[in-house]
Each structure stands twice: as structure tokens, then as C-alpha cells.
Amino acid sequence: MPSVTATEFARNFGRFREEVQREPIAITSHGRTTGYFLSAHDYAEYQRLKAQARQVFHVSELPDDIADAIEATRMDPEHEALNRLLDPPA
């Protein structure tokens, strides 16, 4: 991935607007990457992947709608034998 300084990016935006169609460009300032310039296609792909990202919650922070959905689930009767494995011995 090419990297350019913020100053160079600002001065040559037109050139980079064309180059970004081939690959993203890292923008740096004082030797550190401060952002990325992406094509519209790459940004749309990023948004699609971000929307699919797994969310993790601590049980105390679980949203009510998700907790309600979990509580409403029922195991397929075909797997009832698994419940019997949890029963205490007679």
C-alpha cells in the first residue's frame, strides 16, 4: 500500500483520487499513519464487513432484545437426550 504525507496528499489530490481506484493510500503526518484514502468500492466493502462483525457483550450489558430472543429459543426435541445428560443421577 502506498504511503504519502498529508501535505503531498493535499497538494496532489487529483492524482491520488485516480490512484486510489487501484489500491488504498495511507496518509501520514510526522512519520505516523493518520488515516487512509479509500475508493468508494473499498469503503462500501469495509462498511459491509463492519456490519457483519461479531458483537460481544458481557451478560450484564446484554441488550434486552437479544436477551429476550435467547430466552425464547427452544431446543429441537430431536436433541432431548442432551437434556437428560444434565439430569442428576438417580
N, C-alpha and C. Protein backbone atom coordinates (compact mmCIF):
# COMPACT_ATOMS: atom_id res chain seq x y z
N MET A 1 0.86 -1.17 0.00
CA MET A 1 0.00 0.00 0.00
C MET A 1 0.91 1.23 0.00
N PRO A 2 0.67 2.13 -0.95
CA PRO A 2 1.47 3.36 -0.96
C PRO A 2 1.16 4.24 0.24
N SER A 3 2.14 5.03 0.60
CA SER A 3 2.00 5.94 1.73
C SER A 3 2.47 7.32 1.28
N VAL A 4 1.71 8.36 1.62
CA VAL A 4 2.08 9.73 1.27
C VAL A 4 1.87 10.63 2.47
N THR A 5 2.61 11.71 2.51
CA THR A 5 2.42 12.66 3.60
C THR A 5 1.13 13.43 3.38
N ALA A 6 0.59 13.96 4.44
CA ALA A 6 -0.65 14.73 4.35
C ALA A 6 -0.46 15.95 3.44
N THR A 7 0.70 16.56 3.51
CA THR A 7 0.98 17.73 2.66
C THR A 7 0.98 17.34 1.19
N GLU A 8 1.67 16.24 0.87
CA GLU A 8 1.72 15.78 -0.52
C GLU A 8 0.32 15.39 -1.00
N PHE A 9 -0.43 14.75 -0.13
CA PHE A 9 -1.79 14.34 -0.47
C PHE A 9 -2.65 15.56 -0.81
N ALA A 10 -2.57 16.59 0.02
CA ALA A 10 -3.37 17.80 -0.20
C ALA A 10 -2.96 18.50 -1.50
N ARG A 11 -1.68 18.55 -1.78
CA ARG A 11 -1.19 19.23 -2.98
C ARG A 11 -1.52 18.48 -4.27
N ASN A 12 -1.61 17.16 -4.18
CA ASN A 12 -1.80 16.32 -5.37
C ASN A 12 -3.05 15.47 -5.29
N PHE A 13 -4.10 16.02 -4.72
CA PHE A 13 -5.31 15.25 -4.51
C PHE A 13 -5.83 14.61 -5.80
N GLY A 14 -5.83 15.33 -6.89
CA GLY A 14 -6.32 14.80 -8.17
C GLY A 14 -5.60 13.53 -8.58
N ARG A 15 -4.29 13.54 -8.43
CA ARG A 15 -3.50 12.35 -8.78
C ARG A 15 -3.89 11.17 -7.89
N PHE A 16 -4.01 11.43 -6.58
CA PHE A 16 -4.32 10.34 -5.65
C PHE A 16 -5.76 9.85 -5.81
N ARG A 17 -6.64 10.73 -6.25
CA ARG A 17 -8.03 10.34 -6.49
C ARG A 17 -8.09 9.27 -7.57
N GLU A 18 -7.18 9.34 -8.54
CA GLU A 18 -7.09 8.31 -9.59
C GLU A 18 -6.39 7.05 -9.07
N GLU A 19 -5.30 7.25 -8.34
CA GLU A 19 -4.53 6.10 -7.84
C GLU A 19 -5.33 5.24 -6.86
N VAL A 20 -6.19 5.87 -6.08
CA VAL A 20 -6.93 5.12 -5.06
C VAL A 20 -7.91 4.12 -5.69
N GLN A 21 -8.19 4.27 -6.97
CA GLN A 21 -9.06 3.31 -7.65
C GLN A 21 -8.36 1.95 -7.78
N ARG A 22 -7.03 1.95 -7.71
CA ARG A 22 -6.26 0.71 -7.80
C ARG A 22 -5.98 0.09 -6.44
N GLU A 23 -5.69 0.94 -5.45
CA GLU A 23 -5.41 0.44 -4.10
C GLU A 23 -5.50 1.59 -3.09
N PRO A 24 -5.81 1.28 -1.83
CA PRO A 24 -5.89 2.32 -0.79
C PRO A 24 -4.55 3.02 -0.62
N ILE A 25 -4.59 4.22 -0.08
CA ILE A 25 -3.38 5.01 0.16
C ILE A 25 -3.35 5.40 1.64
N ALA A 26 -2.21 5.16 2.28
CA ALA A 26 -2.03 5.56 3.68
C ALA A 26 -1.57 7.02 3.70
N ILE A 27 -2.17 7.81 4.57
CA ILE A 27 -1.80 9.22 4.72
C ILE A 27 -1.02 9.35 6.03
N THR A 28 0.14 9.97 5.96
CA THR A 28 0.99 10.09 7.15
C THR A 28 1.18 11.55 7.54
N SER A 29 1.49 11.73 8.80
CA SER A 29 1.83 13.05 9.32
C SER A 29 2.90 12.83 10.39
N HIS A 30 4.00 13.51 10.24
CA HIS A 30 5.12 13.38 11.17
C HIS A 30 5.55 11.93 11.34
N GLY A 31 5.57 11.20 10.22
CA GLY A 31 6.05 9.82 10.23
C GLY A 31 5.07 8.78 10.72
N ARG A 32 3.85 9.18 11.08
CA ARG A 32 2.85 8.21 11.57
C ARG A 32 1.65 8.19 10.63
N THR A 33 1.09 7.02 10.41
CA THR A 33 -0.12 6.92 9.60
C THR A 33 -1.27 7.50 10.39
N THR A 34 -1.96 8.46 9.79
CA THR A 34 -3.08 9.12 10.47
C THR A 34 -4.42 8.78 9.84
N GLY A 35 -4.41 8.15 8.67
CA GLY A 35 -5.66 7.78 8.02
C GLY A 35 -5.39 7.08 6.71
N TYR A 36 -6.48 6.72 6.05
CA TYR A 36 -6.39 6.02 4.77
C TYR A 36 -7.37 6.65 3.80
N PHE A 37 -6.99 6.70 2.56
CA PHE A 37 -7.85 7.19 1.49
C PHE A 37 -8.28 5.96 0.71
N LEU A 38 -9.60 5.73 0.66
CA LEU A 38 -10.16 4.54 0.00
C LEU A 38 -11.06 4.92 -1.15
N SER A 39 -11.14 4.03 -2.13
CA SER A 39 -12.10 4.22 -3.21
C SER A 39 -13.50 3.99 -2.65
N ALA A 40 -14.50 4.45 -3.38
CA ALA A 40 -15.89 4.23 -2.95
C ALA A 40 -16.18 2.73 -2.85
N HIS A 41 -15.64 1.94 -3.77
CA HIS A 41 -15.85 0.49 -3.74
C HIS A 41 -15.24 -0.12 -2.48
N ASP A 42 -13.99 0.25 -2.17
CA ASP A 42 -13.34 -0.30 -0.97
C ASP A 42 -14.06 0.13 0.31
N TYR A 43 -14.55 1.37 0.33
CA TYR A 43 -15.27 1.84 1.51
C TYR A 43 -16.58 1.06 1.69
N ALA A 44 -17.28 0.82 0.59
CA ALA A 44 -18.53 0.04 0.67
C ALA A 44 -18.25 -1.37 1.18
N GLU A 45 -17.15 -1.96 0.74
CA GLU A 45 -16.77 -3.30 1.22
C GLU A 45 -16.43 -3.26 2.70
N TYR A 46 -15.72 -2.22 3.13
CA TYR A 46 -15.41 -2.04 4.55
C TYR A 46 -16.70 -1.95 5.37
N GLN A 47 -17.66 -1.16 4.90
CA GLN A 47 -18.93 -1.00 5.62
C GLN A 47 -19.67 -2.32 5.69
N ARG A 48 -19.65 -3.10 4.61
CA ARG A 48 -20.32 -4.41 4.59
C ARG A 48 -19.69 -5.34 5.61
N LEU A 49 -18.37 -5.38 5.64
CA LEU A 49 -17.69 -6.26 6.60
C LEU A 49 -17.89 -5.79 8.03
N LYS A 50 -17.88 -4.50 8.23
CA LYS A 50 -18.09 -3.95 9.58
C LYS A 50 -19.48 -4.31 10.09
N ALA A 51 -20.47 -4.29 9.22
CA ALA A 51 -21.84 -4.63 9.62
C ALA A 51 -21.95 -6.10 10.01
N GLN A 52 -21.07 -6.94 9.48
CA GLN A 52 -21.11 -8.37 9.79
C GLN A 52 -20.25 -8.73 10.99
N ALA A 53 -19.53 -7.76 11.53
CA ALA A 53 -18.62 -8.04 12.64
C ALA A 53 -19.38 -8.60 13.83
N ARG A 54 -18.75 -9.51 14.50
CA ARG A 54 -19.35 -10.12 15.68
C ARG A 54 -19.38 -9.12 16.82
N GLN A 55 -20.48 -9.09 17.52
CA GLN A 55 -20.58 -8.26 18.71
C GLN A 55 -20.48 -9.15 19.94
N VAL A 56 -19.77 -8.67 20.93
CA VAL A 56 -19.59 -9.42 22.16
C VAL A 56 -20.09 -8.56 23.31
N PHE A 57 -20.91 -9.17 24.17
CA PHE A 57 -21.46 -8.44 25.32
C PHE A 57 -21.17 -9.21 26.60
N HIS A 58 -20.90 -8.49 27.66
CA HIS A 58 -20.89 -9.10 28.98
C HIS A 58 -22.35 -9.32 29.33
N VAL A 59 -22.66 -10.37 30.04
CA VAL A 59 -24.05 -10.69 30.32
C VAL A 59 -24.79 -9.53 30.98
N SER A 60 -24.10 -8.73 31.77
CA SER A 60 -24.76 -7.60 32.43
C SER A 60 -25.06 -6.46 31.46
N GLU A 61 -24.44 -6.48 30.28
CA GLU A 61 -24.64 -5.43 29.29
C GLU A 61 -25.47 -5.89 28.10
N LEU A 62 -25.98 -7.11 28.16
CA LEU A 62 -26.73 -7.68 27.04
C LEU A 62 -28.01 -6.89 26.79
N PRO A 63 -28.20 -6.39 25.56
CA PRO A 63 -29.41 -5.64 25.26
C PRO A 63 -30.66 -6.49 25.49
N ASP A 64 -31.74 -5.87 25.92
CA ASP A 64 -32.98 -6.60 26.24
C ASP A 64 -33.49 -7.41 25.07
N ASP A 65 -33.44 -6.87 23.85
CA ASP A 65 -33.98 -7.61 22.70
C ASP A 65 -33.19 -8.89 22.46
N ILE A 66 -31.89 -8.87 22.67
CA ILE A 66 -31.08 -10.08 22.48
C ILE A 66 -31.35 -11.06 23.61
N ALA A 67 -31.44 -10.58 24.85
CA ALA A 67 -31.74 -11.46 25.99
C ALA A 67 -33.10 -12.11 25.81
N ASP A 68 -34.09 -11.35 25.34
CA ASP A 68 -35.43 -11.91 25.11
C ASP A 68 -35.40 -12.97 24.02
N ALA A 69 -34.63 -12.73 22.97
CA ALA A 69 -34.53 -13.70 21.88
C ALA A 69 -33.88 -14.99 22.36
N ILE A 70 -32.85 -14.88 23.20
CA ILE A 70 -32.20 -16.07 23.75
C ILE A 70 -33.16 -16.84 24.64
N GLU A 71 -33.88 -16.11 25.48
CA GLU A 71 -34.83 -16.75 26.40
C GLU A 71 -35.95 -17.47 25.64
N ALA A 72 -36.34 -16.94 24.50
CA ALA A 72 -37.44 -17.53 23.73
C ALA A 72 -37.04 -18.73 22.90
N THR A 73 -35.76 -19.00 22.78
CA THR A 73 -35.33 -20.13 21.95
C THR A 73 -35.65 -21.45 22.62
N ARG A 74 -35.93 -22.43 21.81
CA ARG A 74 -36.22 -23.78 22.31
C ARG A 74 -35.40 -24.77 21.50
N MET A 75 -34.88 -25.78 22.20
CA MET A 75 -34.09 -26.78 21.53
C MET A 75 -35.00 -27.73 20.77
N ASP A 76 -34.53 -28.18 19.65
CA ASP A 76 -35.27 -29.14 18.83
C ASP A 76 -35.46 -30.42 19.67
N PRO A 77 -36.68 -30.94 19.73
CA PRO A 77 -36.93 -32.15 20.53
C PRO A 77 -36.04 -33.32 20.15
N GLU A 78 -35.52 -33.30 18.96
CA GLU A 78 -34.62 -34.36 18.50
C GLU A 78 -33.39 -34.48 19.41
N HIS A 79 -33.05 -33.39 20.11
CA HIS A 79 -31.86 -33.38 20.95
C HIS A 79 -32.19 -33.49 22.44
N GLU A 80 -33.35 -33.99 22.77
CA GLU A 80 -33.78 -34.11 24.16
C GLU A 80 -32.80 -34.96 24.98
N ALA A 81 -32.12 -35.88 24.34
CA ALA A 81 -31.15 -36.72 25.06
C ALA A 81 -30.07 -35.87 25.71
N LEU A 82 -29.75 -34.74 25.14
CA LEU A 82 -28.75 -33.85 25.74
C LEU A 82 -29.22 -33.30 27.07
N ASN A 83 -30.53 -32.99 27.18
CA ASN A 83 -31.07 -32.52 28.46
C ASN A 83 -30.94 -33.60 29.52
N ARG A 84 -31.16 -34.84 29.14
CA ARG A 84 -31.08 -35.93 30.12
C ARG A 84 -29.66 -36.09 30.65
N LEU A 85 -28.68 -35.71 29.87
CA LEU A 85 -27.29 -35.79 30.34
C LEU A 85 -27.04 -34.83 31.49
N LEU A 86 -27.83 -33.76 31.56
CA LEU A 86 -27.69 -32.78 32.63
C LEU A 86 -28.44 -33.14 33.90
N ASP A 87 -29.33 -34.10 33.82
CA ASP A 87 -30.11 -34.52 34.99
C ASP A 87 -29.19 -35.19 36.01
N PRO A 88 -29.43 -34.93 37.30
CA PRO A 88 -28.60 -35.59 38.33
C PRO A 88 -28.87 -37.10 38.33
N PRO A 89 -27.85 -37.87 38.72
CA PRO A 89 -28.04 -39.34 38.76
C PRO A 89 -29.14 -39.71 39.75
N ALA A 90 -29.88 -40.76 39.42
CA ALA A 90 -30.98 -41.20 40.28
C ALA A 90 -30.51 -41.96 41.48
